[in-house]
């Protein structure tokens, strides 16, 4: 039988050279539609699919390769005498190589305002059928879905034959390719129907980088980004300087990035360590915000990560360079600032122009557990205005209210149990990840030092006892924000009233584990 290759690609990268070299290896080329035209325009001999099947393409090209002559040529096992006898009886030639990639469904649904009908029309039917058939018969058919694999196939073919190891690798690539493709389709259709939590769920991710190791040196790791990269996400950041990010770098930078988004257009700097904020500052300028964030906790900021929702100027860059910082992720950098920061060999500089973009409501917050996956909506709210109420005899002053709202944003992004102490434009002390709330309060107060006097306190969940209020009284804290909702709320309210502390309930907790 003649050696034949069936070629039909949406991505035509390298396809002409691929077919030229196949022809040099005595292959006949079968092709369809735009691919056939591209090959003919390049002067290559091509057998049209209708010429092969004796049946015209029909239904606006929906039916081209869905034909027994094609699929028998793909699925016949060469080692099975009955299969080969049937092909001979039916006058069907085998197909030995398939080069197919699928209709551009991802590109189609990425277009603004794409119509549902256009999206559905770009769901490939014949392509997946062919490559799955070829992959099932991997020992006899080499199937290529990625142009990056053309050279591997050709070099082995030109050296004699395509190895079984390569054919198995190509088989794997097919089912990985169709799994991602089908995942994109099913997720798109679920969104159209408003199905948020289906009975079964799949996600498509693309490898962004391999890592030297994971959370610890003995763990392997890679970073994968969503197929559809979201605005304002770490996956969209461009690294301008420094060595590759590590597993911990990415996790910690994401924590800083999520918090800085809470401050919108207000110049803000978030210093983060181990995915927890250690210093947050706002100001009239980025430089002023950085100084406040740094002074919040100079010890913890050292070796940390900075998220900056504006342009880093030369003055700010000079201040940053006074200590060791692992990563700066910012909206941008002034030319002089970039050169100043690059003087530090071990710093990593990331640029994210849409750093202020809020998380999309369609995104999921996910946590992998052994043997399962927890999925929830992102915590995209702060509190409902109508639920805010003053519960003490004394209401917060205007300045205290500003401080309460500032620190409420910070405590939302601090690991539970969490307490944040601060002023209207900066944190003064943060207590995070404690197994009881009083320890978190004591930690935050201790970190604040002398700055605690006149600060306010934010708690991510209610006070089960008045002990946290009692610590506030001793420390000189003047106002408290918490969700409320404990059966013993009144004990905390009474303790505040006795000390002249203002307290507000917002009716919404922000656990973060």
Protein backbone atom coordinates (compact mmCIF):
# COMPACT_ATOMS: atom_id res chain seq x y z
CA UNK A 1 0.00 0.00 0.00
CA UNK A 2 1.05 3.60 -0.58
CA UNK A 3 2.31 5.63 2.37
CA UNK A 4 -0.16 8.39 3.06
CA UNK A 5 -0.48 11.36 5.40
CA UNK A 6 -3.71 13.18 6.11
CA UNK A 7 -3.14 16.86 6.83
CA UNK A 8 -5.83 19.35 7.95
CA UNK A 9 -4.78 22.16 10.26
CA UNK A 10 -6.15 25.43 11.60
CA UNK A 11 -2.66 26.46 12.75
CA UNK A 12 -0.62 26.30 9.56
CA UNK A 13 2.72 27.02 11.22
CA UNK A 14 5.38 24.92 9.46
CA UNK A 15 2.86 22.79 7.56
CA UNK A 16 4.28 23.44 4.06
CA UNK A 17 7.81 22.38 5.05
CA UNK A 18 6.39 19.39 6.98
CA UNK A 19 4.58 18.15 3.85
CA UNK A 20 7.56 18.80 1.59
CA UNK A 21 9.69 16.52 3.71
CA UNK A 22 6.94 13.89 3.90
CA UNK A 23 6.76 13.87 0.11
CA UNK A 24 10.54 13.44 0.02
CA UNK A 25 9.97 10.31 2.14
CA UNK A 26 7.55 8.99 -0.54
CA UNK A 27 4.31 9.98 1.20
CA UNK A 28 1.17 11.06 -0.60
CA UNK A 29 -0.60 14.00 1.01
CA UNK A 30 -4.36 14.00 1.59
CA UNK A 31 -5.83 17.31 2.64
CA UNK A 32 -8.97 19.40 3.02
CA UNK A 33 -10.22 22.98 2.63
CA UNK A 34 -7.83 25.79 3.47
CA UNK A 35 -4.94 23.44 4.20
CA UNK A 36 -5.20 21.84 0.76
CA UNK A 37 -5.23 25.30 -0.83
CA UNK A 38 -2.14 26.41 1.12
CA UNK A 39 -0.25 23.28 0.04
CA UNK A 40 -1.32 23.60 -3.60
CA UNK A 41 -0.34 27.28 -3.59
CA UNK A 42 3.10 26.15 -2.43
CA UNK A 43 3.27 23.82 -5.46
CA UNK A 44 2.81 20.56 -3.59
CA UNK A 45 0.78 17.65 -5.00
CA UNK A 46 -2.34 17.06 -2.88
CA UNK A 47 -5.15 14.50 -2.95
CA UNK A 48 -8.36 16.28 -2.02
CA UNK A 49 -10.55 14.57 0.55
CA UNK A 50 -13.46 14.29 -1.90
CA UNK A 51 -11.13 12.72 -4.44
CA UNK A 52 -10.21 10.11 -1.83
CA UNK A 53 -13.72 9.34 -0.60
CA UNK A 54 -15.62 9.84 -3.84
CA UNK A 55 -18.09 11.92 -1.84
CA UNK A 56 -18.31 15.72 -1.93
CA UNK A 57 -17.74 17.91 1.11
CA UNK A 58 -21.21 18.98 2.23
CA UNK A 59 -23.24 20.93 4.77
CA UNK A 60 -20.96 23.98 4.48
CA UNK A 61 -17.93 21.82 5.19
CA UNK A 62 -19.39 20.23 8.33
CA UNK A 63 -18.94 16.81 6.70
CA UNK A 64 -15.59 16.20 5.06
CA UNK A 65 -13.58 13.47 6.74
CA UNK A 66 -16.42 11.59 8.47
CA UNK A 67 -16.26 8.69 6.02
CA UNK A 68 -15.42 4.94 6.25
CA UNK A 69 -12.58 5.28 3.74
CA UNK A 70 -10.86 7.72 6.08
CA UNK A 71 -11.57 5.98 9.36
CA UNK A 72 -10.95 2.46 8.12
CA UNK A 73 -7.58 3.70 6.84
CA UNK A 74 -6.83 5.08 10.30
CA UNK A 75 -8.17 2.26 12.49
CA UNK A 76 -7.04 -0.84 10.62
CA UNK A 77 -4.47 -2.75 12.66
CA UNK A 78 -1.63 -3.70 10.34
CA UNK A 79 -0.83 -6.78 12.44
CA UNK A 80 -4.40 -8.10 12.06
CA UNK A 81 -4.71 -10.15 8.82
CA UNK A 82 -8.52 -9.85 8.83
CA UNK A 83 -8.34 -6.05 9.00
CA UNK A 84 -5.89 -5.91 6.13
CA UNK A 85 -7.92 -8.35 4.05
CA UNK A 86 -11.02 -6.20 4.54
CA UNK A 87 -9.13 -3.10 3.42
CA UNK A 88 -7.95 -4.96 0.34
CA UNK A 89 -11.49 -6.14 -0.45
CA UNK A 90 -12.89 -2.62 -0.02
CA UNK A 91 -10.01 -1.03 -1.93
CA UNK A 92 -9.09 1.20 1.03
CA UNK A 93 -5.54 2.46 1.59
CA UNK A 94 -4.07 2.86 5.08
CA UNK A 95 -3.26 6.32 6.44
CA UNK A 96 0.05 6.32 8.29
CA UNK A 97 0.46 9.89 9.53
CA UNK A 98 -2.19 12.39 10.64
CA UNK A 99 -1.40 16.08 11.19
CA UNK A 100 -4.50 17.79 12.50
CA UNK A 101 -5.21 20.63 14.92
CA UNK A 102 -8.68 21.76 15.77
CA UNK A 103 -10.99 24.65 14.96
CA UNK A 104 -9.96 27.73 16.97
CA UNK A 105 -12.69 27.52 19.61
CA UNK A 106 -10.60 29.37 22.20
CA UNK A 107 -9.85 32.25 19.83
CA UNK A 108 -13.52 32.44 18.83
CA UNK A 109 -14.97 32.74 22.33
CA UNK A 110 -12.22 35.19 23.32
CA UNK A 111 -13.60 37.77 20.88
CA UNK A 112 -15.67 40.51 22.54
CA UNK A 113 -19.37 40.07 21.88
CA UNK A 114 -19.03 36.68 20.18
CA UNK A 115 -22.41 35.19 19.30
CA UNK A 116 -23.36 31.82 20.76
CA UNK A 117 -24.05 30.51 17.24
CA UNK A 118 -20.52 31.46 16.11
CA UNK A 119 -19.01 29.72 19.13
CA UNK A 120 -20.96 26.52 18.43
CA UNK A 121 -20.00 26.62 14.76
CA UNK A 122 -16.34 26.56 15.83
CA UNK A 123 -16.72 23.30 17.73
CA UNK A 124 -14.68 20.83 15.70
CA UNK A 125 -16.26 17.42 15.05
CA UNK A 126 -14.26 15.74 12.29
CA UNK A 127 -10.88 16.76 13.70
CA UNK A 128 -11.29 15.20 17.16
CA UNK A 129 -12.78 12.09 15.57
CA UNK A 130 -9.77 11.64 13.30
CA UNK A 131 -7.07 12.27 15.86
CA UNK A 132 -8.73 10.05 18.46
CA UNK A 133 -9.07 7.27 15.90
CA UNK A 134 -5.42 7.64 14.89
CA UNK A 135 -4.30 7.75 18.54
CA UNK A 136 -6.24 4.59 19.33
CA UNK A 137 -4.25 2.89 16.58
CA UNK A 138 -1.01 4.48 17.82
CA UNK A 139 1.23 1.54 16.98
CA UNK A 140 0.49 1.99 13.27
CA UNK A 141 -0.37 5.69 12.94
CA UNK A 142 1.65 8.71 14.03
CA UNK A 143 -0.71 11.57 14.87
CA UNK A 144 0.62 15.10 15.31
CA UNK A 145 -1.51 17.84 16.90
CA UNK A 146 1.28 20.25 17.87
CA UNK A 147 3.54 21.89 15.23
CA UNK A 148 6.38 21.71 17.77
CA UNK A 149 6.42 17.93 17.19
CA UNK A 150 6.87 18.09 13.40
CA UNK A 151 10.66 18.03 13.61
CA UNK A 152 10.76 15.02 15.95
CA UNK A 153 8.53 13.02 13.63
CA UNK A 154 10.41 14.04 10.48
CA UNK A 155 13.88 13.43 11.86
CA UNK A 156 12.94 9.90 12.95
CA UNK A 157 11.16 9.21 9.68
CA UNK A 158 14.11 10.43 7.66
CA UNK A 159 16.39 8.22 9.75
CA UNK A 160 14.27 5.14 9.01
CA UNK A 161 10.99 5.00 10.95
CA UNK A 162 9.04 6.71 13.70
CA UNK A 163 9.77 4.95 16.99
CA UNK A 164 7.09 3.37 19.15
CA UNK A 165 8.08 5.67 22.03
CA UNK A 166 7.39 8.70 19.86
CA UNK A 167 4.07 7.27 18.73
CA UNK A 168 3.04 6.72 22.36
CA UNK A 169 4.07 10.27 23.17
CA UNK A 170 2.02 11.58 20.27
CA UNK A 171 -0.94 9.47 21.42
CA UNK A 172 -0.72 11.13 24.84
CA UNK A 173 -0.58 14.59 23.21
CA UNK A 174 -3.83 13.84 21.34
CA UNK A 175 -5.88 12.99 24.40
CA UNK A 176 -4.38 15.87 26.38
CA UNK A 177 -5.31 18.17 23.47
CA UNK A 178 -8.88 16.93 23.19
CA UNK A 179 -9.34 16.98 26.97
CA UNK A 180 -8.45 20.68 27.08
CA UNK A 181 -10.59 21.38 24.02
CA UNK A 182 -13.63 19.63 25.45
CA UNK A 183 -13.08 21.30 28.82
CA UNK A 184 -13.19 24.74 27.21
CA UNK A 185 -16.39 23.85 25.38
CA UNK A 186 -18.17 22.40 28.41
CA UNK A 187 -17.17 25.35 30.61
CA UNK A 188 -18.32 27.84 27.99
CA UNK A 189 -21.68 26.08 27.67
CA UNK A 190 -22.06 25.93 31.47
CA UNK A 191 -21.48 29.69 31.65
CA UNK A 192 -24.09 30.28 28.97
CA UNK A 193 -26.59 28.33 31.04
CA UNK A 194 -25.57 29.91 34.33
CA UNK A 195 -24.44 26.56 35.77
CA UNK A 196 -22.02 27.51 38.53
CA UNK A 197 -21.42 24.18 40.29
CA UNK A 198 -22.01 21.27 37.87
CA UNK A 199 -22.12 17.59 38.83
CA UNK A 200 -18.68 17.13 37.30
CA UNK A 201 -16.14 19.81 36.49
CA UNK A 202 -12.93 20.11 34.49
CA UNK A 203 -10.49 22.97 34.02
CA UNK A 204 -7.92 23.72 31.34
CA UNK A 205 -4.53 25.05 32.43
CA UNK A 206 -1.38 25.63 30.41
CA UNK A 207 2.13 25.24 31.78
CA UNK A 208 3.70 28.64 32.30
CA UNK A 209 6.98 27.41 33.75
CA UNK A 210 8.75 24.53 35.43
CA UNK A 211 10.25 25.28 38.81
CA UNK A 212 13.47 24.20 40.44
CA UNK A 213 11.39 22.87 43.34
CA UNK A 214 8.13 23.40 45.20
CA UNK A 215 7.35 24.66 48.67
CA UNK A 216 10.45 22.79 49.89
CA UNK A 217 13.54 21.64 47.96
CA UNK A 218 12.50 17.95 47.96
CA UNK A 219 9.18 18.72 46.18
CA UNK A 220 8.82 18.96 42.41
CA UNK A 221 6.64 21.78 41.03
CA UNK A 222 5.35 23.65 37.98
CA UNK A 223 3.19 26.72 37.53
CA UNK A 224 0.13 26.52 35.29
CA UNK A 225 -1.93 29.49 34.16
CA UNK A 226 -5.58 29.41 33.16
CA UNK A 227 -6.20 28.99 29.43
CA UNK A 228 -8.03 32.32 29.48
CA UNK A 229 -5.68 34.59 31.43
CA UNK A 230 -7.64 37.05 33.53
CA UNK A 231 -6.99 40.78 33.76
CA UNK A 232 -4.99 41.80 36.80
CA UNK A 233 -3.81 38.26 37.53
CA UNK A 234 -0.25 37.20 38.24
CA UNK A 235 -0.27 35.18 35.01
CA UNK A 236 -0.49 38.45 33.05
CA UNK A 237 2.51 40.02 34.77
CA UNK A 238 5.66 40.57 32.72
CA UNK A 239 8.94 39.88 34.47
CA UNK A 240 11.41 42.67 33.72
CA UNK A 241 14.32 41.60 35.90
CA UNK A 242 15.64 38.80 38.07
CA UNK A 243 15.70 35.03 38.13
CA UNK A 244 12.59 32.91 37.68
CA UNK A 245 9.89 33.03 40.31
CA UNK A 246 9.72 30.13 42.73
CA UNK A 247 6.65 28.28 43.98
CA UNK A 248 6.63 30.31 47.20
CA UNK A 249 7.27 33.55 45.31
CA UNK A 250 4.15 33.05 43.23
CA UNK A 251 1.97 32.09 46.19
CA UNK A 252 3.19 35.04 48.26
CA UNK A 253 2.95 37.53 45.39
CA UNK A 254 -0.63 36.45 44.79
CA UNK A 255 -1.47 37.23 48.42
CA UNK A 256 -0.05 40.75 48.08
CA UNK A 257 -1.80 41.26 44.75
CA UNK A 258 -5.22 40.30 46.10
CA UNK A 259 -4.97 42.79 48.96
CA UNK A 260 -3.70 45.75 46.93
CA UNK A 261 -6.76 45.47 44.68
CA UNK A 262 -8.96 46.45 47.65
CA UNK A 263 -7.62 50.01 47.46
CA UNK A 264 -8.63 50.81 43.88
CA UNK A 265 -7.07 54.05 42.59
CA UNK A 266 -5.79 55.15 46.00
CA UNK A 267 -1.95 54.89 45.97
CA UNK A 268 -1.19 51.80 48.03
CA UNK A 269 1.76 49.56 48.86
CA UNK A 270 1.30 46.11 50.37
CA UNK A 271 4.25 44.31 51.90
CA UNK A 272 3.66 40.59 52.16
CA UNK A 273 5.45 37.65 53.76
CA UNK A 274 4.33 34.02 53.48
CA UNK A 275 1.11 35.19 51.74
CA UNK A 276 0.20 37.35 54.76
CA UNK A 277 0.37 41.15 54.82
CA UNK A 278 3.05 42.51 57.16
CA UNK A 279 2.73 46.18 56.29
CA UNK A 280 0.16 48.18 54.32
CA UNK A 281 0.25 51.89 53.60
CA UNK A 282 -1.65 54.45 51.55
CA UNK A 283 -0.81 58.05 50.75
CA UNK A 284 -1.02 60.90 48.29
CA UNK A 285 1.86 59.29 46.36
CA UNK A 286 3.34 55.83 45.94
CA UNK A 287 6.48 57.01 47.74
CA UNK A 288 4.45 58.10 50.76
CA UNK A 289 2.50 54.82 50.73
CA UNK A 290 5.73 52.79 50.61
CA UNK A 291 7.27 54.60 53.57
CA UNK A 292 4.14 53.92 55.64
CA UNK A 293 4.04 50.25 54.63
CA UNK A 294 7.72 49.80 55.46
CA UNK A 295 7.46 51.56 58.82
CA UNK A 296 4.52 49.31 59.75
CA UNK A 297 6.92 46.43 60.34
CA UNK A 298 10.51 46.98 59.11
CA UNK A 299 11.65 43.60 60.44
CA UNK A 300 9.04 41.53 58.56
CA UNK A 301 9.20 43.60 55.36
CA UNK A 302 12.86 42.55 54.94
CA UNK A 303 12.94 39.74 52.35
CA UNK A 304 9.26 40.22 51.56
CA UNK A 305 7.16 41.01 48.51
CA UNK A 306 5.76 44.41 47.52
CA UNK A 307 2.57 44.94 45.53
CA UNK A 308 2.28 48.54 44.30
CA UNK A 309 -0.82 49.82 42.51
CA UNK A 310 0.95 52.65 40.71
CA UNK A 311 4.18 53.68 38.98
CA UNK A 312 7.37 53.23 40.99
CA UNK A 313 9.35 56.47 40.80
CA UNK A 314 13.05 57.02 41.47
CA UNK A 315 12.52 58.15 45.07
CA UNK A 316 10.53 55.00 45.89
CA UNK A 317 13.03 52.76 44.12
CA UNK A 318 15.84 54.33 46.16
CA UNK A 319 13.96 53.60 49.39
CA UNK A 320 13.20 50.01 48.34
CA UNK A 321 16.87 49.39 47.60
CA UNK A 322 17.85 50.20 51.18
CA UNK A 323 16.72 46.69 52.21
CA UNK A 324 16.47 43.26 50.61
CA UNK A 325 13.16 42.72 48.82
CA UNK A 326 12.39 39.48 46.96
CA UNK A 327 9.81 40.79 44.49
CA UNK A 328 8.22 44.05 43.42
CA UNK A 329 5.04 43.76 41.38
CA UNK A 330 3.81 47.15 40.22
CA UNK A 331 1.61 48.87 37.67
CA UNK A 332 4.80 50.16 36.07
CA UNK A 333 8.24 51.72 36.60
CA UNK A 334 9.70 55.07 35.65
CA UNK A 335 12.84 54.59 33.54
CA UNK A 336 15.18 55.82 36.23
CA UNK A 337 13.45 53.71 38.87
CA UNK A 338 13.94 50.53 36.88
CA UNK A 339 17.65 51.15 36.56
CA UNK A 340 17.95 51.86 40.29
CA UNK A 341 16.17 48.62 41.21
CA UNK A 342 18.21 46.58 38.73
CA UNK A 343 21.29 47.41 40.77
CA UNK A 344 20.06 44.67 43.12
CA UNK A 345 20.97 41.37 41.52
CA UNK A 346 18.54 39.19 43.50
CA UNK A 347 15.41 41.31 43.24
CA UNK A 348 12.65 40.23 40.85
CA UNK A 349 10.70 43.00 39.10
CA UNK A 350 7.25 42.34 37.65
CA UNK A 351 5.08 44.75 35.68
CA UNK A 352 1.28 44.39 35.66
CA UNK A 353 -0.37 47.39 33.95
CA UNK A 354 -3.89 46.27 34.90
CA UNK A 355 -2.96 45.54 38.53
CA UNK A 356 -6.09 47.41 39.70
CA UNK A 357 -8.46 45.12 37.80
CA UNK A 358 -10.85 43.42 40.20
CA UNK A 359 -11.41 39.68 40.21
CA UNK A 360 -14.12 38.48 37.86
CA UNK A 361 -17.25 37.03 39.40
CA UNK A 362 -16.94 34.02 37.06
CA UNK A 363 -13.64 32.98 38.65
CA UNK A 364 -13.42 30.19 41.22
CA UNK A 365 -11.43 30.13 44.44
CA UNK A 366 -10.04 26.59 44.73
CA UNK A 367 -8.16 24.61 47.33
CA UNK A 368 -6.79 21.16 46.59
CA UNK A 369 -7.15 18.55 49.31
CA UNK A 370 -5.86 15.01 49.11
CA UNK A 371 -8.34 13.10 46.95
CA UNK A 372 -10.59 16.08 46.27
CA UNK A 373 -11.04 19.73 45.37
CA UNK A 374 -12.82 22.48 47.29
CA UNK A 375 -14.39 25.14 45.07
CA UNK A 376 -16.09 28.33 46.13
CA UNK A 377 -16.87 31.84 44.91
CA UNK A 378 -14.10 34.37 45.54
CA UNK A 379 -14.62 36.60 48.56
CA UNK A 380 -15.26 39.69 46.45
CA UNK A 381 -17.26 41.69 48.99
CA UNK A 382 -16.16 43.87 51.89
CA UNK A 383 -19.49 44.36 53.64
CA UNK A 384 -22.98 45.54 52.76
CA UNK A 385 -23.41 49.21 53.65
CA UNK A 386 -26.86 48.60 55.09
CA UNK A 387 -25.47 46.04 57.57
CA UNK A 388 -22.97 48.41 59.15
CA UNK A 389 -24.14 49.52 62.56
CA UNK A 390 -22.70 51.24 65.58
CA UNK A 391 -23.34 49.00 68.61
CA UNK A 392 -21.69 51.08 71.35
CA UNK A 393 -22.78 54.25 73.09
CA UNK A 394 -19.96 56.15 71.43
CA UNK A 395 -19.88 56.26 67.64
CA UNK A 396 -16.52 56.31 65.83
CA UNK A 397 -15.16 59.70 64.84
CA UNK A 398 -14.71 60.42 61.14
CA UNK A 399 -11.00 59.62 61.40
CA UNK A 400 -11.68 56.42 63.33
CA UNK A 401 -14.21 55.32 60.72
CA UNK A 402 -11.62 55.80 57.98
CA UNK A 403 -9.18 53.75 60.01
CA UNK A 404 -11.73 51.00 60.67
CA UNK A 405 -12.53 50.64 56.97
CA UNK A 406 -8.83 50.67 56.02
CA UNK A 407 -7.94 47.92 58.46
CA UNK A 408 -11.06 45.92 57.61
CA UNK A 409 -9.70 45.63 54.05
CA UNK A 410 -6.41 44.33 55.41
CA UNK A 411 -7.85 41.80 57.86
CA UNK A 412 -9.93 40.32 55.03
CA UNK A 413 -6.69 39.15 53.38
CA UNK A 414 -4.93 37.97 56.55
CA UNK A 415 -4.95 34.30 57.51
CA UNK A 416 -7.45 33.38 60.26
CA UNK A 417 -7.58 33.83 63.13
CA UNK A 418 -6.67 37.38 62.20
CA UNK A 419 -6.46 40.71 64.00
CA UNK A 420 -5.16 43.91 62.39
CA UNK A 421 -4.29 47.07 64.30
CA UNK A 422 -3.73 50.32 62.48
CA UNK A 423 -4.50 53.92 61.60
CA UNK A 424 -6.43 55.45 58.69
CA UNK A 425 -3.49 55.14 56.28
CA UNK A 426 -1.31 52.30 57.56
CA UNK A 427 -1.22 49.16 59.61
CA UNK A 428 0.65 49.23 62.90
CA UNK A 429 0.43 45.56 63.91
CA UNK A 430 -0.87 42.33 62.39
CA UNK A 431 -1.63 39.04 64.14
CA UNK A 432 -2.40 36.13 61.85
CA UNK A 433 -2.97 32.41 61.70
CA UNK A 434 -3.47 31.87 65.41
CA UNK A 435 -5.56 29.06 66.85
CA UNK A 436 -7.41 31.47 69.10
CA UNK A 437 -8.39 35.09 68.67
CA UNK A 438 -6.84 36.45 71.86
CA UNK A 439 -3.40 35.28 70.73
CA UNK A 440 -3.91 37.03 67.38
CA UNK A 441 -4.91 40.23 69.24
CA UNK A 442 -1.93 40.03 71.57
CA UNK A 443 0.42 39.42 68.64
CA UNK A 444 -0.93 42.42 66.69
CA UNK A 445 -0.70 44.69 69.74
CA UNK A 446 2.84 43.55 70.51
CA UNK A 447 3.94 44.17 66.92
CA UNK A 448 2.43 47.64 66.98
CA UNK A 449 4.51 48.68 70.00
CA UNK A 450 4.09 52.36 70.89
CA UNK A 451 2.12 52.90 67.67
CA UNK A 452 -0.76 50.92 69.14
CA UNK A 453 -1.99 53.91 71.13
CA UNK A 454 -4.73 55.64 69.15
CA UNK A 455 -4.92 52.78 66.65
CA UNK A 456 -8.08 50.88 65.81
CA UNK A 457 -8.58 47.11 65.65
CA UNK A 458 -10.18 44.91 62.98
CA UNK A 459 -11.13 41.26 63.59
CA UNK A 460 -11.98 38.89 60.73
CA UNK A 461 -14.66 37.16 62.85
CA UNK A 462 -16.67 37.89 65.97
CA UNK A 463 -15.30 38.01 69.51
CA UNK A 464 -16.55 34.94 71.42
CA UNK A 465 -15.46 36.58 74.69
CA UNK A 466 -14.68 40.15 75.83
CA UNK A 467 -10.97 39.28 76.28
CA UNK A 468 -9.94 40.97 73.01
CA UNK A 469 -11.70 44.16 74.10
CA UNK A 470 -9.87 43.99 77.42
CA UNK A 471 -6.55 43.85 75.54
CA UNK A 472 -7.66 46.88 73.51
CA UNK A 473 -8.37 48.83 76.71
CA UNK A 474 -4.89 48.06 78.08
CA UNK A 475 -3.22 48.97 74.76
CA UNK A 476 -5.04 52.29 74.16
CA UNK A 477 -6.98 51.19 71.07
CA UNK A 478 -9.92 53.55 70.49
CA UNK A 479 -12.27 51.73 68.08
CA UNK A 480 -13.05 48.22 66.84
CA UNK A 481 -14.64 46.72 63.71
CA UNK A 482 -15.85 43.13 63.73
CA UNK A 483 -18.65 41.11 62.09
CA UNK A 484 -20.70 40.52 65.25
CA UNK A 485 -22.91 37.48 65.59
CA UNK A 486 -21.65 35.86 68.78
CA UNK A 487 -24.23 34.85 71.38
CA UNK A 488 -21.99 36.79 73.78
CA UNK A 489 -21.77 39.99 71.71
CA UNK A 490 -23.25 42.02 74.52
CA UNK A 491 -20.29 41.21 76.79
CA UNK A 492 -17.91 42.79 74.28
CA UNK A 493 -20.26 45.76 73.75
CA UNK A 494 -20.48 46.36 77.51
CA UNK A 495 -16.68 46.20 77.85
CA UNK A 496 -16.31 48.77 75.06
CA UNK A 497 -18.87 51.07 76.64
CA UNK A 498 -17.15 50.87 80.01
CA UNK A 499 -13.87 51.95 78.39
CA UNK A 500 -15.29 54.50 75.93
CA UNK A 501 -14.24 52.44 72.91
CA UNK A 502 -16.39 52.74 69.76
CA UNK A 503 -17.33 49.48 68.03
CA UNK A 504 -19.11 48.75 64.77
CA UNK A 505 -20.53 45.51 63.43
CA UNK A 506 -20.50 44.91 59.68
CA UNK A 507 -22.39 41.61 59.67
CA UNK A 508 -19.92 39.82 57.40
CA UNK A 509 -16.92 37.70 58.37
CA UNK A 510 -13.83 37.10 56.25
CA UNK A 511 -12.20 33.82 57.27
CA UNK A 512 -9.13 33.05 55.16
CA UNK A 513 -7.51 29.65 55.55
